[in-house]
Amino acid sequence: MMRALCVQPLLSACLAMIAVGQGVLWWRVLYWYPQLPARFPIHFDFAGKPDGWANKSIATWFLLPVLSLVLIVFLGGIAIWLGVLVRTTPGIVNVPRKDLFLKLSIEGRMTVVAPTRVFLAWVLGLMAFLFVWIVEGTGRVAVHETAMLPSWPVFVFLAGVLGVLPIFYRRTGRMLECAARREGLLPPLERVG
């Protein structure tokens, strides 16, 4: 019960981040579209200077937010599918100490994969705001408010994904051990003192 309480607020926060990010993304896409010139940048080099252009069209400008929705459905579907796999075919779920994982009850296995589901939501939340940055920067460059799209937010995104990955991996291992101890598959920890 305690372990589930730790994960649920994180998942709720990540889902809120996704919703806010999507709302801001669509707001900025709708804001910038009427202001776009007939040709606008769609690609930027490593230095942030535009090096690819497209003619103004709804299909081109709205591609990024549509892609964002597709990724939310795809990765969200994986998170949901992970729960189904844990219940029906846990042998194909890739977790540390799989032999111990397979001996757990369904509730125990669901506890173990909870951090992975939170991680997927975290990545989607970060991605939504990365897309906001791309749309906002592209709009500003297109109307000549700025000359380039800075690349540092990409590194913040990567740090946000890769930097927390070891934390979620360790958390998954701890959840596995706690579930195994709770279900009597591992001996209880001895208290010192």
N, C-alpha and C. Protein backbone atom coordinates (compact mmCIF):
# COMPACT_ATOMS: atom_id res chain seq x y z
N MET A 1 0.83 -1.20 0.00
CA MET A 1 0.00 0.00 0.00
C MET A 1 0.87 1.25 0.00
N MET A 2 1.89 1.28 0.84
CA MET A 2 2.76 2.45 0.93
C MET A 2 3.50 2.70 -0.38
N ARG A 3 3.96 1.61 -1.03
CA ARG A 3 4.68 1.78 -2.28
C ARG A 3 3.79 2.36 -3.37
N ALA A 4 2.53 1.94 -3.39
CA ALA A 4 1.60 2.46 -4.39
C ALA A 4 1.35 3.95 -4.17
N LEU A 5 1.32 4.36 -2.90
CA LEU A 5 1.10 5.78 -2.60
C LEU A 5 2.25 6.63 -3.11
N CYS A 6 3.46 6.10 -3.13
CA CYS A 6 4.61 6.86 -3.62
C CYS A 6 4.55 7.04 -5.12
N VAL A 7 4.07 6.07 -5.84
CA VAL A 7 4.05 6.11 -7.30
C VAL A 7 2.87 6.92 -7.83
N GLN A 8 1.71 6.79 -7.22
CA GLN A 8 0.50 7.42 -7.74
C GLN A 8 0.61 8.94 -7.85
N PRO A 9 1.15 9.66 -6.84
CA PRO A 9 1.27 11.12 -7.02
C PRO A 9 2.21 11.49 -8.17
N LEU A 10 3.27 10.71 -8.36
CA LEU A 10 4.18 10.97 -9.48
C LEU A 10 3.47 10.76 -10.81
N LEU A 11 2.71 9.69 -10.90
CA LEU A 11 1.97 9.42 -12.13
C LEU A 11 0.95 10.53 -12.39
N SER A 12 0.24 10.94 -11.35
CA SER A 12 -0.74 12.02 -11.50
C SER A 12 -0.07 13.31 -11.95
N ALA A 13 1.08 13.62 -11.36
CA ALA A 13 1.82 14.84 -11.75
C ALA A 13 2.27 14.76 -13.20
N CYS A 14 2.74 13.60 -13.63
CA CYS A 14 3.18 13.43 -15.02
C CYS A 14 2.00 13.54 -15.98
N LEU A 15 0.87 12.96 -15.62
CA LEU A 15 -0.31 13.07 -16.47
C LEU A 15 -0.79 14.52 -16.57
N ALA A 16 -0.70 15.24 -15.46
CA ALA A 16 -1.05 16.67 -15.49
C ALA A 16 -0.07 17.43 -16.38
N MET A 17 1.21 17.07 -16.30
CA MET A 17 2.22 17.72 -17.14
C MET A 17 1.93 17.47 -18.62
N ILE A 18 1.52 16.26 -18.96
CA ILE A 18 1.17 15.94 -20.34
C ILE A 18 -0.02 16.79 -20.79
N ALA A 19 -1.04 16.86 -19.96
CA ALA A 19 -2.25 17.62 -20.31
C ALA A 19 -1.93 19.11 -20.49
N VAL A 20 -1.17 19.66 -19.56
CA VAL A 20 -0.80 21.08 -19.66
C VAL A 20 0.06 21.30 -20.90
N GLY A 21 1.04 20.43 -21.12
CA GLY A 21 1.91 20.55 -22.29
C GLY A 21 1.13 20.50 -23.59
N GLN A 22 0.17 19.58 -23.67
CA GLN A 22 -0.65 19.48 -24.88
C GLN A 22 -1.51 20.73 -25.06
N GLY A 23 -2.07 21.22 -23.97
CA GLY A 23 -2.87 22.43 -24.06
C GLY A 23 -2.06 23.62 -24.55
N VAL A 24 -0.87 23.79 -23.99
CA VAL A 24 0.00 24.90 -24.40
C VAL A 24 0.45 24.70 -25.85
N LEU A 25 0.77 23.48 -26.21
CA LEU A 25 1.21 23.19 -27.58
C LEU A 25 0.13 23.60 -28.59
N TRP A 26 -1.08 23.15 -28.38
CA TRP A 26 -2.16 23.48 -29.32
C TRP A 26 -2.48 24.97 -29.31
N TRP A 27 -2.41 25.60 -28.14
CA TRP A 27 -2.63 27.04 -28.05
C TRP A 27 -1.61 27.79 -28.89
N ARG A 28 -0.32 27.40 -28.78
CA ARG A 28 0.73 28.10 -29.53
C ARG A 28 0.66 27.80 -31.02
N VAL A 29 0.28 26.59 -31.39
CA VAL A 29 0.12 26.26 -32.81
C VAL A 29 -0.98 27.12 -33.41
N LEU A 30 -2.09 27.22 -32.70
CA LEU A 30 -3.20 28.04 -33.20
C LEU A 30 -2.86 29.53 -33.19
N TYR A 31 -2.06 29.96 -32.23
CA TYR A 31 -1.64 31.36 -32.15
C TYR A 31 -0.74 31.74 -33.33
N TRP A 32 0.23 30.89 -33.63
CA TRP A 32 1.23 31.23 -34.65
C TRP A 32 0.73 31.03 -36.08
N TYR A 33 -0.19 30.11 -36.31
CA TYR A 33 -0.56 29.79 -37.69
C TYR A 33 -0.99 31.01 -38.51
N PRO A 34 -1.87 31.87 -38.02
CA PRO A 34 -2.27 33.02 -38.85
C PRO A 34 -1.13 34.00 -39.13
N GLN A 35 -0.10 33.98 -38.30
CA GLN A 35 1.01 34.92 -38.45
C GLN A 35 2.12 34.41 -39.37
N LEU A 36 2.08 33.14 -39.70
CA LEU A 36 3.15 32.55 -40.50
C LEU A 36 3.21 33.18 -41.89
N PRO A 37 4.42 33.39 -42.40
CA PRO A 37 4.54 33.85 -43.79
C PRO A 37 4.25 32.69 -44.75
N ALA A 38 4.27 32.98 -46.04
CA ALA A 38 3.98 31.96 -47.05
C ALA A 38 4.98 30.80 -47.00
N ARG A 39 6.24 31.09 -46.65
CA ARG A 39 7.27 30.05 -46.43
C ARG A 39 7.80 30.22 -45.03
N PHE A 40 7.91 29.12 -44.32
CA PHE A 40 8.43 29.20 -42.95
C PHE A 40 9.41 28.04 -42.71
N PRO A 41 10.29 28.21 -41.73
CA PRO A 41 11.28 27.16 -41.48
C PRO A 41 10.63 25.93 -40.84
N ILE A 42 11.11 24.77 -41.25
CA ILE A 42 10.63 23.52 -40.64
C ILE A 42 11.78 22.67 -40.11
N HIS A 43 13.01 23.10 -40.37
CA HIS A 43 14.16 22.36 -39.88
C HIS A 43 15.25 23.35 -39.54
N PHE A 44 16.04 23.01 -38.52
CA PHE A 44 17.11 23.88 -38.05
C PHE A 44 18.39 23.06 -37.91
N ASP A 45 19.54 23.70 -38.21
CA ASP A 45 20.80 22.99 -38.03
C ASP A 45 21.18 22.97 -36.56
N PHE A 46 22.34 22.39 -36.26
CA PHE A 46 22.77 22.23 -34.87
C PHE A 46 22.94 23.58 -34.17
N ALA A 47 23.29 24.60 -34.93
CA ALA A 47 23.47 25.94 -34.36
C ALA A 47 22.13 26.65 -34.18
N GLY A 48 21.04 26.10 -34.69
CA GLY A 48 19.73 26.69 -34.53
C GLY A 48 19.29 27.58 -35.68
N LYS A 49 20.08 27.57 -36.75
CA LYS A 49 19.71 28.38 -37.92
C LYS A 49 18.81 27.55 -38.84
N PRO A 50 17.79 28.18 -39.42
CA PRO A 50 16.90 27.42 -40.31
C PRO A 50 17.65 26.92 -41.54
N ASP A 51 17.44 25.65 -41.87
CA ASP A 51 18.05 25.08 -43.08
C ASP A 51 17.06 24.26 -43.90
N GLY A 52 15.79 24.31 -43.53
CA GLY A 52 14.74 23.64 -44.28
C GLY A 52 13.48 24.49 -44.23
N TRP A 53 12.78 24.60 -45.34
CA TRP A 53 11.62 25.48 -45.43
C TRP A 53 10.44 24.74 -46.01
N ALA A 54 9.24 25.23 -45.71
CA ALA A 54 8.02 24.65 -46.28
C ALA A 54 7.05 25.77 -46.58
N ASN A 55 6.18 25.49 -47.51
CA ASN A 55 5.10 26.43 -47.80
C ASN A 55 4.04 26.29 -46.72
N LYS A 56 3.42 27.41 -46.40
CA LYS A 56 2.41 27.42 -45.34
C LYS A 56 1.22 26.54 -45.75
N SER A 57 0.94 25.59 -44.89
CA SER A 57 -0.25 24.75 -45.06
C SER A 57 -0.64 24.22 -43.69
N ILE A 58 -1.89 23.94 -43.54
CA ILE A 58 -2.37 23.38 -42.27
C ILE A 58 -1.68 22.05 -42.00
N ALA A 59 -1.55 21.23 -43.02
CA ALA A 59 -0.94 19.90 -42.84
C ALA A 59 0.49 20.00 -42.32
N THR A 60 1.26 20.93 -42.86
CA THR A 60 2.65 21.06 -42.44
C THR A 60 2.75 21.64 -41.03
N TRP A 61 2.02 22.72 -40.76
CA TRP A 61 2.14 23.38 -39.48
C TRP A 61 1.58 22.53 -38.34
N PHE A 62 0.53 21.78 -38.59
CA PHE A 62 -0.10 21.01 -37.53
C PHE A 62 0.47 19.60 -37.40
N LEU A 63 1.48 19.28 -38.18
CA LEU A 63 2.10 17.95 -38.12
C LEU A 63 2.70 17.67 -36.74
N LEU A 64 3.41 18.63 -36.17
CA LEU A 64 4.07 18.40 -34.89
C LEU A 64 3.08 18.13 -33.75
N PRO A 65 2.03 18.92 -33.58
CA PRO A 65 1.09 18.58 -32.51
C PRO A 65 0.34 17.27 -32.76
N VAL A 66 0.09 16.95 -34.01
CA VAL A 66 -0.54 15.66 -34.32
C VAL A 66 0.43 14.53 -33.98
N LEU A 67 1.71 14.71 -34.32
CA LEU A 67 2.72 13.72 -33.96
C LEU A 67 2.79 13.55 -32.44
N SER A 68 2.68 14.65 -31.73
CA SER A 68 2.69 14.59 -30.27
C SER A 68 1.53 13.75 -29.75
N LEU A 69 0.35 13.94 -30.31
CA LEU A 69 -0.80 13.13 -29.90
C LEU A 69 -0.61 11.66 -30.24
N VAL A 70 -0.04 11.40 -31.41
CA VAL A 70 0.22 10.01 -31.80
C VAL A 70 1.19 9.35 -30.81
N LEU A 71 2.23 10.08 -30.43
CA LEU A 71 3.19 9.52 -29.46
C LEU A 71 2.56 9.30 -28.09
N ILE A 72 1.67 10.20 -27.69
CA ILE A 72 0.96 10.00 -26.42
C ILE A 72 0.12 8.73 -26.48
N VAL A 73 -0.59 8.55 -27.56
CA VAL A 73 -1.41 7.35 -27.71
C VAL A 73 -0.52 6.11 -27.76
N PHE A 74 0.59 6.19 -28.50
CA PHE A 74 1.49 5.04 -28.63
C PHE A 74 2.14 4.66 -27.30
N LEU A 75 2.82 5.64 -26.66
CA LEU A 75 3.50 5.33 -25.40
C LEU A 75 2.50 5.08 -24.27
N GLY A 76 1.38 5.80 -24.29
CA GLY A 76 0.33 5.52 -23.31
C GLY A 76 -0.23 4.12 -23.51
N GLY A 77 -0.36 3.73 -24.77
CA GLY A 77 -0.81 2.37 -25.07
C GLY A 77 0.18 1.33 -24.57
N ILE A 78 1.47 1.62 -24.69
CA ILE A 78 2.48 0.69 -24.17
C ILE A 78 2.34 0.56 -22.66
N ALA A 79 2.12 1.70 -21.97
CA ALA A 79 1.96 1.66 -20.51
C ALA A 79 0.74 0.82 -20.12
N ILE A 80 -0.34 0.97 -20.86
CA ILE A 80 -1.54 0.17 -20.58
C ILE A 80 -1.30 -1.29 -20.95
N TRP A 81 -0.67 -1.51 -22.10
CA TRP A 81 -0.37 -2.87 -22.56
C TRP A 81 0.55 -3.58 -21.57
N LEU A 82 1.47 -2.83 -20.96
CA LEU A 82 2.37 -3.42 -19.96
C LEU A 82 1.57 -4.04 -18.83
N GLY A 83 0.52 -3.36 -18.41
CA GLY A 83 -0.35 -3.92 -17.37
C GLY A 83 -1.02 -5.20 -17.82
N VAL A 84 -1.44 -5.23 -19.06
CA VAL A 84 -2.07 -6.44 -19.61
C VAL A 84 -1.05 -7.58 -19.65
N LEU A 85 0.17 -7.27 -20.11
CA LEU A 85 1.21 -8.31 -20.18
C LEU A 85 1.55 -8.85 -18.80
N VAL A 86 1.62 -7.99 -17.81
CA VAL A 86 1.92 -8.42 -16.45
C VAL A 86 0.87 -9.42 -15.96
N ARG A 87 -0.37 -9.18 -16.36
CA ARG A 87 -1.46 -10.07 -15.92
C ARG A 87 -1.52 -11.37 -16.73
N THR A 88 -1.22 -11.29 -18.03
CA THR A 88 -1.46 -12.45 -18.89
C THR A 88 -0.20 -13.22 -19.28
N THR A 89 0.86 -12.52 -19.65
CA THR A 89 2.10 -13.18 -20.09
C THR A 89 3.30 -12.47 -19.48
N PRO A 90 3.48 -12.58 -18.17
CA PRO A 90 4.56 -11.84 -17.50
C PRO A 90 5.96 -12.26 -17.94
N GLY A 91 6.08 -13.41 -18.55
CA GLY A 91 7.39 -13.88 -18.99
C GLY A 91 8.04 -13.01 -20.06
N ILE A 92 7.25 -12.23 -20.79
CA ILE A 92 7.84 -11.39 -21.82
C ILE A 92 8.13 -9.96 -21.33
N VAL A 93 7.81 -9.68 -20.06
CA VAL A 93 8.10 -8.37 -19.49
C VAL A 93 9.56 -8.35 -19.05
N ASN A 94 10.29 -7.36 -19.50
CA ASN A 94 11.72 -7.27 -19.20
C ASN A 94 11.94 -6.47 -17.92
N VAL A 95 12.28 -7.16 -16.86
CA VAL A 95 12.56 -6.53 -15.57
C VAL A 95 13.80 -7.20 -14.97
N PRO A 96 14.46 -6.51 -14.02
CA PRO A 96 15.57 -7.17 -13.34
C PRO A 96 15.06 -8.36 -12.51
N ARG A 97 15.88 -9.36 -12.38
CA ARG A 97 15.56 -10.56 -11.59
C ARG A 97 14.21 -11.16 -12.01
N LYS A 98 14.12 -11.46 -13.28
CA LYS A 98 12.86 -11.96 -13.84
C LYS A 98 12.37 -13.22 -13.14
N ASP A 99 13.29 -14.08 -12.72
CA ASP A 99 12.87 -15.31 -12.04
C ASP A 99 12.05 -15.00 -10.80
N LEU A 100 12.45 -14.00 -10.05
CA LEU A 100 11.71 -13.59 -8.86
C LEU A 100 10.41 -12.88 -9.25
N PHE A 101 10.47 -12.06 -10.27
CA PHE A 101 9.29 -11.34 -10.77
C PHE A 101 8.18 -12.32 -11.14
N LEU A 102 8.53 -13.41 -11.81
CA LEU A 102 7.53 -14.38 -12.27
C LEU A 102 6.86 -15.12 -11.12
N LYS A 103 7.50 -15.18 -9.97
CA LYS A 103 6.92 -15.85 -8.80
C LYS A 103 5.94 -14.96 -8.04
N LEU A 104 5.94 -13.66 -8.34
CA LEU A 104 5.07 -12.72 -7.62
C LEU A 104 3.62 -12.88 -8.05
N SER A 105 2.73 -12.45 -7.18
CA SER A 105 1.32 -12.38 -7.54
C SER A 105 1.14 -11.27 -8.59
N ILE A 106 -0.04 -11.24 -9.19
CA ILE A 106 -0.32 -10.18 -10.17
C ILE A 106 -0.18 -8.82 -9.51
N GLU A 107 -0.69 -8.67 -8.30
CA GLU A 107 -0.58 -7.39 -7.59
C GLU A 107 0.88 -7.01 -7.36
N GLY A 108 1.69 -7.98 -6.98
CA GLY A 108 3.12 -7.74 -6.78
C GLY A 108 3.81 -7.33 -8.07
N ARG A 109 3.49 -8.02 -9.16
CA ARG A 109 4.10 -7.67 -10.46
C ARG A 109 3.67 -6.28 -10.91
N MET A 110 2.40 -5.92 -10.68
CA MET A 110 1.93 -4.58 -11.05
C MET A 110 2.68 -3.51 -10.25
N THR A 111 2.98 -3.81 -9.00
CA THR A 111 3.76 -2.88 -8.17
C THR A 111 5.15 -2.69 -8.76
N VAL A 112 5.73 -3.76 -9.26
CA VAL A 112 7.09 -3.71 -9.81
C VAL A 112 7.15 -2.88 -11.08
N VAL A 113 6.15 -2.97 -11.94
CA VAL A 113 6.19 -2.22 -13.20
C VAL A 113 5.66 -0.80 -13.07
N ALA A 114 5.15 -0.44 -11.92
CA ALA A 114 4.61 0.92 -11.72
C ALA A 114 5.64 2.01 -12.05
N PRO A 115 6.91 1.88 -11.62
CA PRO A 115 7.87 2.92 -11.99
C PRO A 115 8.09 3.05 -13.50
N THR A 116 8.00 1.96 -14.22
CA THR A 116 8.15 2.03 -15.67
C THR A 116 7.01 2.82 -16.29
N ARG A 117 5.82 2.62 -15.79
CA ARG A 117 4.66 3.36 -16.30
C ARG A 117 4.81 4.85 -16.00
N VAL A 118 5.32 5.18 -14.81
CA VAL A 118 5.56 6.59 -14.45
C VAL A 118 6.63 7.17 -15.36
N PHE A 119 7.67 6.40 -15.64
CA PHE A 119 8.75 6.88 -16.51
C PHE A 119 8.21 7.21 -17.91
N LEU A 120 7.36 6.35 -18.44
CA LEU A 120 6.77 6.63 -19.77
C LEU A 120 5.96 7.92 -19.73
N ALA A 121 5.20 8.13 -18.67
CA ALA A 121 4.42 9.37 -18.54
C ALA A 121 5.35 10.58 -18.41
N TRP A 122 6.45 10.43 -17.68
CA TRP A 122 7.44 11.50 -17.52
C TRP A 122 8.03 11.89 -18.88
N VAL A 123 8.40 10.90 -19.66
CA VAL A 123 8.97 11.16 -20.99
C VAL A 123 7.95 11.89 -21.86
N LEU A 124 6.69 11.46 -21.81
CA LEU A 124 5.65 12.13 -22.60
C LEU A 124 5.45 13.58 -22.16
N GLY A 125 5.50 13.83 -20.86
CA GLY A 125 5.37 15.19 -20.37
C GLY A 125 6.52 16.07 -20.84
N LEU A 126 7.74 15.56 -20.74
CA LEU A 126 8.89 16.31 -21.23
C LEU A 126 8.79 16.56 -22.73
N MET A 127 8.35 15.53 -23.45
CA MET A 127 8.24 15.64 -24.90
C MET A 127 7.21 16.70 -25.29
N ALA A 128 6.11 16.78 -24.57
CA ALA A 128 5.09 17.78 -24.87
C ALA A 128 5.70 19.18 -24.78
N PHE A 129 6.50 19.42 -23.74
CA PHE A 129 7.10 20.75 -23.60
C PHE A 129 8.24 20.97 -24.59
N LEU A 130 8.92 19.91 -25.00
CA LEU A 130 9.91 20.05 -26.06
C LEU A 130 9.23 20.47 -27.36
N PHE A 131 8.08 19.89 -27.65
CA PHE A 131 7.33 20.27 -28.84
C PHE A 131 6.82 21.71 -28.74
N VAL A 132 6.43 22.14 -27.54
CA VAL A 132 6.03 23.54 -27.35
C VAL A 132 7.20 24.45 -27.71
N TRP A 133 8.38 24.10 -27.23
CA TRP A 133 9.57 24.91 -27.53
C TRP A 133 9.84 24.95 -29.04
N ILE A 134 9.69 23.83 -29.72
CA ILE A 134 9.93 23.80 -31.16
C ILE A 134 8.91 24.68 -31.89
N VAL A 135 7.64 24.55 -31.55
CA VAL A 135 6.60 25.36 -32.21
C VAL A 135 6.81 26.84 -31.92
N GLU A 136 7.06 27.17 -30.67
CA GLU A 136 7.25 28.58 -30.29
C GLU A 136 8.48 29.16 -30.99
N GLY A 137 9.57 28.42 -30.97
CA GLY A 137 10.78 28.89 -31.64
C GLY A 137 10.61 29.02 -33.14
N THR A 138 9.96 28.04 -33.73
CA THR A 138 9.72 28.09 -35.17
C THR A 138 8.85 29.29 -35.53
N GLY A 139 7.80 29.54 -34.75
CA GLY A 139 6.95 30.69 -34.99
C GLY A 139 7.73 31.99 -34.89
N ARG A 140 8.57 32.10 -33.87
CA ARG A 140 9.36 33.33 -33.69
C ARG A 140 10.36 33.54 -34.82
N VAL A 141 10.99 32.47 -35.25
CA VAL A 141 11.93 32.59 -36.37
C VAL A 141 11.17 32.93 -37.66
N ALA A 142 10.03 32.31 -37.85
CA ALA A 142 9.24 32.53 -39.08
C ALA A 142 8.81 33.98 -39.23
N VAL A 143 8.47 34.64 -38.11
CA VAL A 143 8.02 36.04 -38.20
C VAL A 143 9.15 37.02 -37.89
N HIS A 144 10.37 36.49 -37.84
CA HIS A 144 11.59 37.29 -37.66
C HIS A 144 11.69 37.99 -36.31
N GLU A 145 11.07 37.40 -35.27
CA GLU A 145 11.28 37.91 -33.91
C GLU A 145 12.66 37.52 -33.40
N THR A 146 13.16 36.42 -33.91
CA THR A 146 14.50 35.95 -33.56
C THR A 146 15.09 35.28 -34.80
N ALA A 147 16.41 35.18 -34.83
CA ALA A 147 17.07 34.63 -36.02
C ALA A 147 17.31 33.12 -35.94
N MET A 148 17.28 32.58 -34.72
CA MET A 148 17.60 31.16 -34.59
C MET A 148 16.81 30.51 -33.46
N LEU A 149 16.81 29.20 -33.49
CA LEU A 149 16.16 28.38 -32.48
C LEU A 149 17.26 27.77 -31.62
N PRO A 150 17.43 28.21 -30.38
CA PRO A 150 18.52 27.68 -29.56
C PRO A 150 18.37 26.16 -29.35
N SER A 151 19.49 25.47 -29.27
CA SER A 151 19.45 24.01 -29.16
C SER A 151 19.52 23.51 -27.72
N TRP A 152 19.78 24.37 -26.75
CA TRP A 152 19.94 23.89 -25.38
C TRP A 152 18.71 23.15 -24.83
N PRO A 153 17.45 23.50 -25.19
CA PRO A 153 16.33 22.72 -24.64
C PRO A 153 16.35 21.23 -25.03
N VAL A 154 16.96 20.92 -26.16
CA VAL A 154 17.08 19.51 -26.54
C VAL A 154 17.93 18.77 -25.51
N PHE A 155 18.99 19.42 -25.05
CA PHE A 155 19.86 18.79 -24.05
C PHE A 155 19.17 18.70 -22.69
N VAL A 156 18.33 19.67 -22.38
CA VAL A 156 17.54 19.59 -21.15
C VAL A 156 16.59 18.40 -21.23
N PHE A 157 15.95 18.23 -22.39
CA PHE A 157 15.05 17.09 -22.60
C PHE A 157 15.82 15.77 -22.43
N LEU A 158 16.97 15.66 -23.10
CA LEU A 158 17.76 14.42 -23.00
C LEU A 158 18.22 14.17 -21.57
N ALA A 159 18.63 15.23 -20.88
CA ALA A 159 19.04 15.08 -19.48
C ALA A 159 17.85 14.65 -18.62
N GLY A 160 16.68 15.21 -18.92
CA GLY A 160 15.48 14.83 -18.18
C GLY A 160 15.08 13.38 -18.39
N VAL A 161 15.34 12.86 -19.57
CA VAL A 161 15.02 11.46 -19.85
C VAL A 161 16.12 10.54 -19.32
N LEU A 162 17.35 10.80 -19.77
CA LEU A 162 18.46 9.90 -19.40
C LEU A 162 18.89 10.06 -17.95
N GLY A 163 18.74 11.27 -17.41
CA GLY A 163 19.16 11.52 -16.03
C GLY A 163 18.31 10.79 -15.01
N VAL A 164 17.02 10.63 -15.29
CA VAL A 164 16.15 9.95 -14.32
C VAL A 164 16.03 8.45 -14.59
N LEU A 165 16.51 7.99 -15.72
CA LEU A 165 16.41 6.57 -16.06
C LEU A 165 17.05 5.68 -14.99
N PRO A 166 18.26 5.99 -14.50
CA PRO A 166 18.83 5.14 -13.44
C PRO A 166 17.99 5.15 -12.16
N ILE A 167 17.36 6.28 -11.87
CA ILE A 167 16.52 6.37 -10.67
C ILE A 167 15.32 5.43 -10.80
N PHE A 168 14.68 5.45 -11.96
CA PHE A 168 13.53 4.57 -12.17
C PHE A 168 13.97 3.10 -12.21
N TYR A 169 15.14 2.83 -12.75
CA TYR A 169 15.64 1.46 -12.80
C TYR A 169 15.87 0.93 -11.37
N ARG A 170 16.53 1.76 -10.55
CA ARG A 170 16.77 1.35 -9.15
C ARG A 170 15.45 1.20 -8.40
N ARG A 171 14.52 2.09 -8.67
CA ARG A 171 13.22 2.03 -8.00
C ARG A 171 12.49 0.73 -8.37
N THR A 172 12.60 0.32 -9.61
CA THR A 172 11.99 -0.93 -10.04
C THR A 172 12.59 -2.10 -9.27
N GLY A 173 13.92 -2.11 -9.12
CA GLY A 173 14.58 -3.17 -8.36
C GLY A 173 14.15 -3.18 -6.90
N ARG A 174 14.01 -2.00 -6.29
CA ARG A 174 13.56 -1.94 -4.90
C ARG A 174 12.11 -2.39 -4.77
N MET A 175 11.28 -2.02 -5.73
CA MET A 175 9.88 -2.45 -5.70
C MET A 175 9.80 -3.98 -5.81
N LEU A 176 10.68 -4.55 -6.62
CA LEU A 176 10.71 -6.01 -6.77
C LEU A 176 11.07 -6.66 -5.45
N GLU A 177 12.12 -6.17 -4.81
CA GLU A 177 12.53 -6.75 -3.52
C GLU A 177 11.46 -6.59 -2.46
N CYS A 178 10.85 -5.42 -2.38
CA CYS A 178 9.80 -5.19 -1.39
C CYS A 178 8.60 -6.11 -1.63
N ALA A 179 8.19 -6.24 -2.88
CA ALA A 179 7.07 -7.12 -3.19
C ALA A 179 7.41 -8.57 -2.86
N ALA A 180 8.63 -8.97 -3.17
CA ALA A 180 9.06 -10.35 -2.89
C ALA A 180 9.12 -10.61 -1.38
N ARG A 181 9.58 -9.63 -0.62
CA ARG A 181 9.61 -9.78 0.85
C ARG A 181 8.18 -9.83 1.40
N ARG A 182 7.33 -8.98 0.89
CA ARG A 182 5.94 -8.93 1.35
C ARG A 182 5.23 -10.26 1.07
N GLU A 183 5.57 -10.88 -0.05
CA GLU A 183 4.91 -12.14 -0.42
C GLU A 183 5.67 -13.37 0.09
N GLY A 184 6.72 -13.16 0.88
CA GLY A 184 7.45 -14.27 1.48
C GLY A 184 8.41 -14.97 0.54
N LEU A 185 8.75 -14.38 -0.57
CA LEU A 185 9.69 -14.99 -1.51
C LEU A 185 11.14 -14.68 -1.16
N LEU A 186 11.34 -13.67 -0.36
CA LEU A 186 12.67 -13.31 0.16
C LEU A 186 12.55 -13.17 1.67
N PRO A 187 13.62 -13.46 2.38
CA PRO A 187 13.53 -13.30 3.84
C PRO A 187 13.39 -11.82 4.21
N PRO A 188 12.71 -11.54 5.32
CA PRO A 188 12.57 -10.14 5.73
C PRO A 188 13.94 -9.55 6.08
N LEU A 189 14.06 -8.26 5.95
CA LEU A 189 15.30 -7.59 6.33
C LEU A 189 15.47 -7.64 7.82
N GLU A 190 16.69 -7.88 8.25
CA GLU A 190 16.96 -7.91 9.70
C GLU A 190 17.17 -6.49 10.18
N ARG A 191 16.56 -6.20 11.30
CA ARG A 191 16.69 -4.87 11.91
C ARG A 191 17.99 -4.81 12.70
N VAL A 192 18.72 -3.72 12.48
CA VAL A 192 19.98 -3.51 13.21
C VAL A 192 19.69 -2.56 14.36
N GLY A 193 20.15 -2.92 15.56
CA GLY A 193 20.01 -2.01 16.72
C GLY A 193 18.90 -2.30 17.56
